């Protein structure tokens, strides 16, 4: 039981940060791309994530 201390607080903090992130210009522009371009979710995520070169878009 003690290993889960702070999980609720972390989830709440994450939720607050996510809510704030949706109001940034970068987030608004990214979401507008879905509506404007009508592309697939995968294509939009690839475009966003390739810049970072990690996880699923990492070049092997």
PDB file of N, CA and C in Angstrom:
ATOM      1  N   UNK A   1       0.813  -1.188   0.000  1.00  0.00           N
ATOM      2  CA  UNK A   1       0.000   0.000   0.000  1.00  0.00           C
ATOM      3  C   UNK A   1       0.860   1.257   0.000  1.00  0.00           C
ATOM      4  N   UNK A   2       1.958   1.260   0.711  1.00  0.00           N
ATOM      5  CA  UNK A   2       2.768   2.476   0.814  1.00  0.00           C
ATOM      6  C   UNK A   2       3.457   2.829  -0.498  1.00  0.00           C
ATOM      7  N   UNK A   3       3.622   1.894  -1.391  1.00  0.00           N
ATOM      8  CA  UNK A   3       4.280   2.209  -2.655  1.00  0.00           C
ATOM      9  C   UNK A   3       3.400   3.035  -3.582  1.00  0.00           C
ATOM     10  N   UNK A   4       2.135   3.191  -3.255  1.00  0.00           N
ATOM     11  CA  UNK A   4       1.227   3.975  -4.078  1.00  0.00           C
ATOM     12  C   UNK A   4       0.995   5.378  -3.531  1.00  0.00           C
ATOM     13  N   UNK A   5       1.714   5.750  -2.491  1.00  0.00           N
ATOM     14  CA  UNK A   5       1.558   7.091  -1.943  1.00  0.00           C
ATOM     15  C   UNK A   5       1.980   8.115  -2.989  1.00  0.00           C
ATOM     16  N   UNK A   6       1.185   9.115  -3.146  1.00  0.00           N
ATOM     17  CA  UNK A   6       1.490  10.172  -4.093  1.00  0.00           C
ATOM     18  C   UNK A   6       0.932   9.947  -5.486  1.00  0.00           C
ATOM     19  N   UNK A   7       0.410   8.781  -5.766  1.00  0.00           N
ATOM     20  CA  UNK A   7      -0.124   8.502  -7.096  1.00  0.00           C
ATOM     21  C   UNK A   7      -1.319   9.405  -7.393  1.00  0.00           C
ATOM     22  N   UNK A   8      -2.192   9.552  -6.446  1.00  0.00           N
ATOM     23  CA  UNK A   8      -3.358  10.416  -6.666  1.00  0.00           C
ATOM     24  C   UNK A   8      -2.930  11.869  -6.885  1.00  0.00           C
ATOM     25  N   UNK A   9      -1.992  12.333  -6.101  1.00  0.00           N
ATOM     26  CA  UNK A   9      -1.505  13.709  -6.259  1.00  0.00           C
ATOM     27  C   UNK A   9      -0.847  13.883  -7.620  1.00  0.00           C
ATOM     28  N   UNK A  10      -0.090  12.894  -8.047  1.00  0.00           N
ATOM     29  CA  UNK A  10       0.564  12.968  -9.354  1.00  0.00           C
ATOM     30  C   UNK A  10      -0.463  12.980 -10.479  1.00  0.00           C
ATOM     31  N   UNK A  11      -1.497  12.185 -10.345  1.00  0.00           N
ATOM     32  CA  UNK A  11      -2.547  12.162 -11.370  1.00  0.00           C
ATOM     33  C   UNK A  11      -3.270  13.500 -11.442  1.00  0.00           C
ATOM     34  N   UNK A  12      -3.530  14.077 -10.297  1.00  0.00           N
ATOM     35  CA  UNK A  12      -4.181  15.395 -10.283  1.00  0.00           C
ATOM     36  C   UNK A  12      -3.288  16.455 -10.920  1.00  0.00           C
ATOM     37  N   UNK A  13      -2.023  16.438 -10.579  1.00  0.00           N
ATOM     38  CA  UNK A  13      -1.085  17.414 -11.148  1.00  0.00           C
ATOM     39  C   UNK A  13      -0.982  17.235 -12.656  1.00  0.00           C
ATOM     40  N   UNK A  14      -0.919  15.999 -13.110  1.00  0.00           N
ATOM     41  CA  UNK A  14      -0.856  15.719 -14.541  1.00  0.00           C
ATOM     42  C   UNK A  14      -2.083  16.212 -15.270  1.00  0.00           C
ATOM     43  N   UNK A  15      -3.234  16.051 -14.642  1.00  0.00           N
ATOM     44  CA  UNK A  15      -4.481  16.516 -15.239  1.00  0.00           C
ATOM     45  C   UNK A  15      -4.479  18.032 -15.368  1.00  0.00           C
ATOM     46  N   UNK A  16      -3.998  18.719 -14.339  1.00  0.00           N
ATOM     47  CA  UNK A  16      -3.930  20.180 -14.378  1.00  0.00           C
ATOM     48  C   UNK A  16      -2.968  20.653 -15.466  1.00  0.00           C
ATOM     49  N   UNK A  17      -1.827  20.019 -15.568  1.00  0.00           N
ATOM     50  CA  UNK A  17      -0.837  20.398 -16.578  1.00  0.00           C
ATOM     51  C   UNK A  17      -1.395  20.162 -17.981  1.00  0.00           C
ATOM     52  N   UNK A  18      -2.071  19.047 -18.172  1.00  0.00           N
ATOM     53  CA  UNK A  18      -2.663  18.747 -19.484  1.00  0.00           C
ATOM     54  C   UNK A  18      -3.716  19.778 -19.854  1.00  0.00           C
ATOM     55  N   UNK A  19      -4.540  20.169 -18.894  1.00  0.00           N
ATOM     56  CA  UNK A  19      -5.568  21.182 -19.154  1.00  0.00           C
ATOM     57  C   UNK A  19      -4.925  22.505 -19.558  1.00  0.00           C
ATOM     58  N   UNK A  20      -3.854  22.874 -18.900  1.00  0.00           N
ATOM     59  CA  UNK A  20      -3.153  24.106 -19.259  1.00  0.00           C
ATOM     60  C   UNK A  20      -2.491  23.989 -20.632  1.00  0.00           C
ATOM     61  N   UNK A  21      -1.966  22.824 -20.930  1.00  0.00           N
ATOM     62  CA  UNK A  21      -1.269  22.625 -22.204  1.00  0.00           C
ATOM     63  C   UNK A  21      -2.207  22.813 -23.396  1.00  0.00           C
ATOM     64  N   UNK A  22      -3.471  22.479 -23.233  1.00  0.00           N
ATOM     65  CA  UNK A  22      -4.427  22.629 -24.334  1.00  0.00           C
ATOM     66  C   UNK A  22      -4.661  24.085 -24.713  1.00  0.00           C
ATOM     67  N   UNK A  23      -4.272  25.003 -23.862  1.00  0.00           N
ATOM     68  CA  UNK A  23      -4.497  26.416 -24.139  1.00  0.00           C
ATOM     69  C   UNK A  23      -3.297  27.091 -24.800  1.00  0.00           C
ATOM     70  N   UNK A  24      -2.200  26.375 -25.015  1.00  0.00           N
ATOM     71  CA  UNK A  24      -1.022  26.986 -25.625  1.00  0.00           C
ATOM     72  C   UNK A  24      -1.211  27.127 -27.133  1.00  0.00           C
ATOM     73  N   UNK A  25      -0.479  28.064 -27.723  1.00  0.00           N
ATOM     74  CA  UNK A  25      -0.566  28.286 -29.166  1.00  0.00           C
ATOM     75  C   UNK A  25      -0.129  27.043 -29.941  1.00  0.00           C
ATOM     76  N   UNK A  26       0.912  26.373 -29.469  1.00  0.00           N
ATOM     77  CA  UNK A  26       1.398  25.173 -30.157  1.00  0.00           C
ATOM     78  C   UNK A  26       0.334  24.079 -30.171  1.00  0.00           C
ATOM     79  N   UNK A  27      -0.340  23.898 -29.056  1.00  0.00           N
ATOM     80  CA  UNK A  27      -1.387  22.878 -28.977  1.00  0.00           C
ATOM     81  C   UNK A  27      -2.562  23.235 -29.875  1.00  0.00           C
ATOM     82  N   UNK A  28      -2.938  24.496 -29.876  1.00  0.00           N
ATOM     83  CA  UNK A  28      -4.049  24.933 -30.724  1.00  0.00           C
ATOM     84  C   UNK A  28      -3.714  24.729 -32.202  1.00  0.00           C
ATOM     85  N   UNK A  29      -2.484  25.041 -32.593  1.00  0.00           N
ATOM     86  CA  UNK A  29      -2.063  24.860 -33.986  1.00  0.00           C
ATOM     87  C   UNK A  29      -2.053  23.382 -34.357  1.00  0.00           C
ATOM     88  N   UNK A  30      -1.571  22.541 -33.452  1.00  0.00           N
ATOM     89  CA  UNK A  30      -1.521  21.101 -33.693  1.00  0.00           C
ATOM     90  C   UNK A  30      -2.927  20.534 -33.874  1.00  0.00           C
ATOM     91  N   UNK A  31      -3.849  20.920 -32.999  1.00  0.00           N
ATOM     92  CA  UNK A  31      -5.217  20.427 -33.088  1.00  0.00           C
ATOM     93  C   UNK A  31      -5.912  20.953 -34.344  1.00  0.00           C
ATOM     94  N   UNK A  32      -5.591  22.172 -34.751  1.00  0.00           N
ATOM     95  CA  UNK A  32      -6.176  22.731 -35.969  1.00  0.00           C
ATOM     96  C   UNK A  32      -5.738  21.920 -37.189  1.00  0.00           C
ATOM     97  N   UNK A  33      -4.537  21.349 -37.139  1.00  0.00           N
ATOM     98  CA  UNK A  33      -4.046  20.514 -38.228  1.00  0.00           C
ATOM     99  C   UNK A  33      -4.923  19.299 -38.458  1.00  0.00           C
ATOM    100  N   UNK A  34      -5.463  18.732 -37.405  1.00  0.00           N
ATOM    101  CA  UNK A  34      -6.371  17.595 -37.553  1.00  0.00           C
ATOM    102  C   UNK A  34      -7.619  18.008 -38.330  1.00  0.00           C
ATOM    103  N   UNK A  35      -8.169  19.132 -37.965  1.00  0.00           N
ATOM    104  CA  UNK A  35      -9.395  19.598 -38.616  1.00  0.00           C
ATOM    105  C   UNK A  35      -9.115  20.052 -40.048  1.00  0.00           C
ATOM    106  N   UNK A  36      -8.023  20.768 -40.250  1.00  0.00           N
ATOM    107  CA  UNK A  36      -7.717  21.352 -41.551  1.00  0.00           C
ATOM    108  C   UNK A  36      -7.271  20.295 -42.554  1.00  0.00           C
ATOM    109  N   UNK A  37      -6.318  19.458 -42.155  1.00  0.00           N
ATOM    110  CA  UNK A  37      -5.721  18.508 -43.081  1.00  0.00           C
ATOM    111  C   UNK A  37      -6.543  17.237 -43.245  1.00  0.00           C
ATOM    112  N   UNK A  38      -7.274  16.879 -42.230  1.00  0.00           N
ATOM    113  CA  UNK A  38      -8.106  15.686 -42.303  1.00  0.00           C
ATOM    114  C   UNK A  38      -7.311  14.395 -42.446  1.00  0.00           C
ATOM    115  N   UNK A  39      -6.027  14.435 -42.114  1.00  0.00           N
ATOM    116  CA  UNK A  39      -5.176  13.256 -42.230  1.00  0.00           C
ATOM    117  C   UNK A  39      -5.430  12.261 -41.114  1.00  0.00           C
ATOM    118  N   UNK A  40      -4.738  11.150 -41.207  1.00  0.00           N
ATOM    119  CA  UNK A  40      -4.891  10.122 -40.183  1.00  0.00           C
ATOM    120  C   UNK A  40      -4.205  10.559 -38.894  1.00  0.00           C
ATOM    121  N   UNK A  41      -4.632   9.981 -37.809  1.00  0.00           N
ATOM    122  CA  UNK A  41      -4.018  10.273 -36.521  1.00  0.00           C
ATOM    123  C   UNK A  41      -2.552   9.868 -36.548  1.00  0.00           C
ATOM    124  N   UNK A  42      -2.247   8.721 -37.144  1.00  0.00           N
ATOM    125  CA  UNK A  42      -0.862   8.253 -37.204  1.00  0.00           C
ATOM    126  C   UNK A  42       0.021   9.250 -37.951  1.00  0.00           C
ATOM    127  N   UNK A  43      -0.457   9.769 -39.069  1.00  0.00           N
ATOM    128  CA  UNK A  43       0.331  10.728 -39.843  1.00  0.00           C
ATOM    129  C   UNK A  43       0.568  12.008 -39.054  1.00  0.00           C
ATOM    130  N   UNK A  44      -0.445  12.463 -38.344  1.00  0.00           N
ATOM    131  CA  UNK A  44      -0.289  13.671 -37.532  1.00  0.00           C
ATOM    132  C   UNK A  44       0.695  13.446 -36.391  1.00  0.00           C
ATOM    133  N   UNK A  45       0.615  12.278 -35.750  1.00  0.00           N
ATOM    134  CA  UNK A  45       1.547  11.973 -34.667  1.00  0.00           C
ATOM    135  C   UNK A  45       2.966  11.807 -35.185  1.00  0.00           C
ATOM    136  N   UNK A  46       3.111  11.187 -36.342  1.00  0.00           N
ATOM    137  CA  UNK A  46       4.443  11.060 -36.947  1.00  0.00           C
ATOM    138  C   UNK A  46       5.057  12.427 -37.210  1.00  0.00           C
ATOM    139  N   UNK A  47       4.262  13.324 -37.743  1.00  0.00           N
ATOM    140  CA  UNK A  47       4.753  14.672 -38.037  1.00  0.00           C
ATOM    141  C   UNK A  47       5.189  15.373 -36.754  1.00  0.00           C
ATOM    142  N   UNK A  48       4.406  15.215 -35.708  1.00  0.00           N
ATOM    143  CA  UNK A  48       4.725  15.860 -34.438  1.00  0.00           C
ATOM    144  C   UNK A  48       5.954  15.236 -33.774  1.00  0.00           C
ATOM    145  N   UNK A  49       6.033  13.907 -33.764  1.00  0.00           N
ATOM    146  CA  UNK A  49       7.035  13.212 -32.963  1.00  0.00           C
ATOM    147  C   UNK A  49       8.377  13.015 -33.645  1.00  0.00           C
ATOM    148  N   UNK A  50       8.442  13.098 -34.960  1.00  0.00           N
ATOM    149  CA  UNK A  50       9.690  12.865 -35.677  1.00  0.00           C
ATOM    150  C   UNK A  50      10.774  13.835 -35.235  1.00  0.00           C
ATOM    151  N   UNK A  51      10.402  15.034 -34.883  1.00  0.00           N
ATOM    152  CA  UNK A  51      11.348  16.049 -34.440  1.00  0.00           C
ATOM    153  C   UNK A  51      12.176  15.565 -33.254  1.00  0.00           C
ATOM    154  N   UNK A  52      11.568  14.792 -32.382  1.00  0.00           N
ATOM    155  CA  UNK A  52      12.233  14.362 -31.162  1.00  0.00           C
ATOM    156  C   UNK A  52      13.091  13.115 -31.358  1.00  0.00           C
ATOM    157  N   UNK A  53      12.788  12.314 -32.356  1.00  0.00           N
ATOM    158  CA  UNK A  53      13.590  11.131 -32.657  1.00  0.00           C
ATOM    159  C   UNK A  53      13.598  10.073 -31.568  1.00  0.00           C
ATOM    160  N   UNK A  54      12.495   9.929 -30.873  1.00  0.00           N
ATOM    161  CA  UNK A  54      12.446   8.896 -29.842  1.00  0.00           C
ATOM    162  C   UNK A  54      11.187   8.043 -30.003  1.00  0.00           C
ATOM    163  N   UNK A  55      11.135   6.990 -29.244  1.00  0.00           N
ATOM    164  CA  UNK A  55      10.027   6.049 -29.237  1.00  0.00           C
ATOM    165  C   UNK A  55       9.716   5.503 -30.633  1.00  0.00           C
ATOM    166  N   UNK A  56       8.490   5.596 -31.066  1.00  0.00           N
ATOM    167  CA  UNK A  56       8.093   4.914 -32.296  1.00  0.00           C
ATOM    168  C   UNK A  56       8.625   5.565 -33.559  1.00  0.00           C
ATOM    169  N   UNK A  57       9.057   6.826 -33.500  1.00  0.00           N
ATOM    170  CA  UNK A  57       9.580   7.486 -34.699  1.00  0.00           C
ATOM    171  C   UNK A  57      11.110   7.461 -34.743  1.00  0.00           C
ATOM    172  N   UNK A  58      11.716   6.772 -33.789  1.00  0.00           N
ATOM    173  CA  UNK A  58      13.179   6.700 -33.724  1.00  0.00           C
ATOM    174  C   UNK A  58      13.713   5.941 -34.932  1.00  0.00           C
ATOM    175  N   UNK A  59      14.710   6.508 -35.570  1.00  0.00           N
ATOM    176  CA  UNK A  59      15.376   5.852 -36.702  1.00  0.00           C
ATOM    177  C   UNK A  59      16.357   4.824 -36.143  1.00  0.00           C
ATOM    178  N   UNK A  60      16.213   3.621 -36.575  1.00  0.00           N
ATOM    179  CA  UNK A  60      17.065   2.520 -36.072  1.00  0.00           C
ATOM    180  C   UNK A  60      18.391   2.506 -36.794  1.00  0.00           C
TER     181      UNK A  60
END
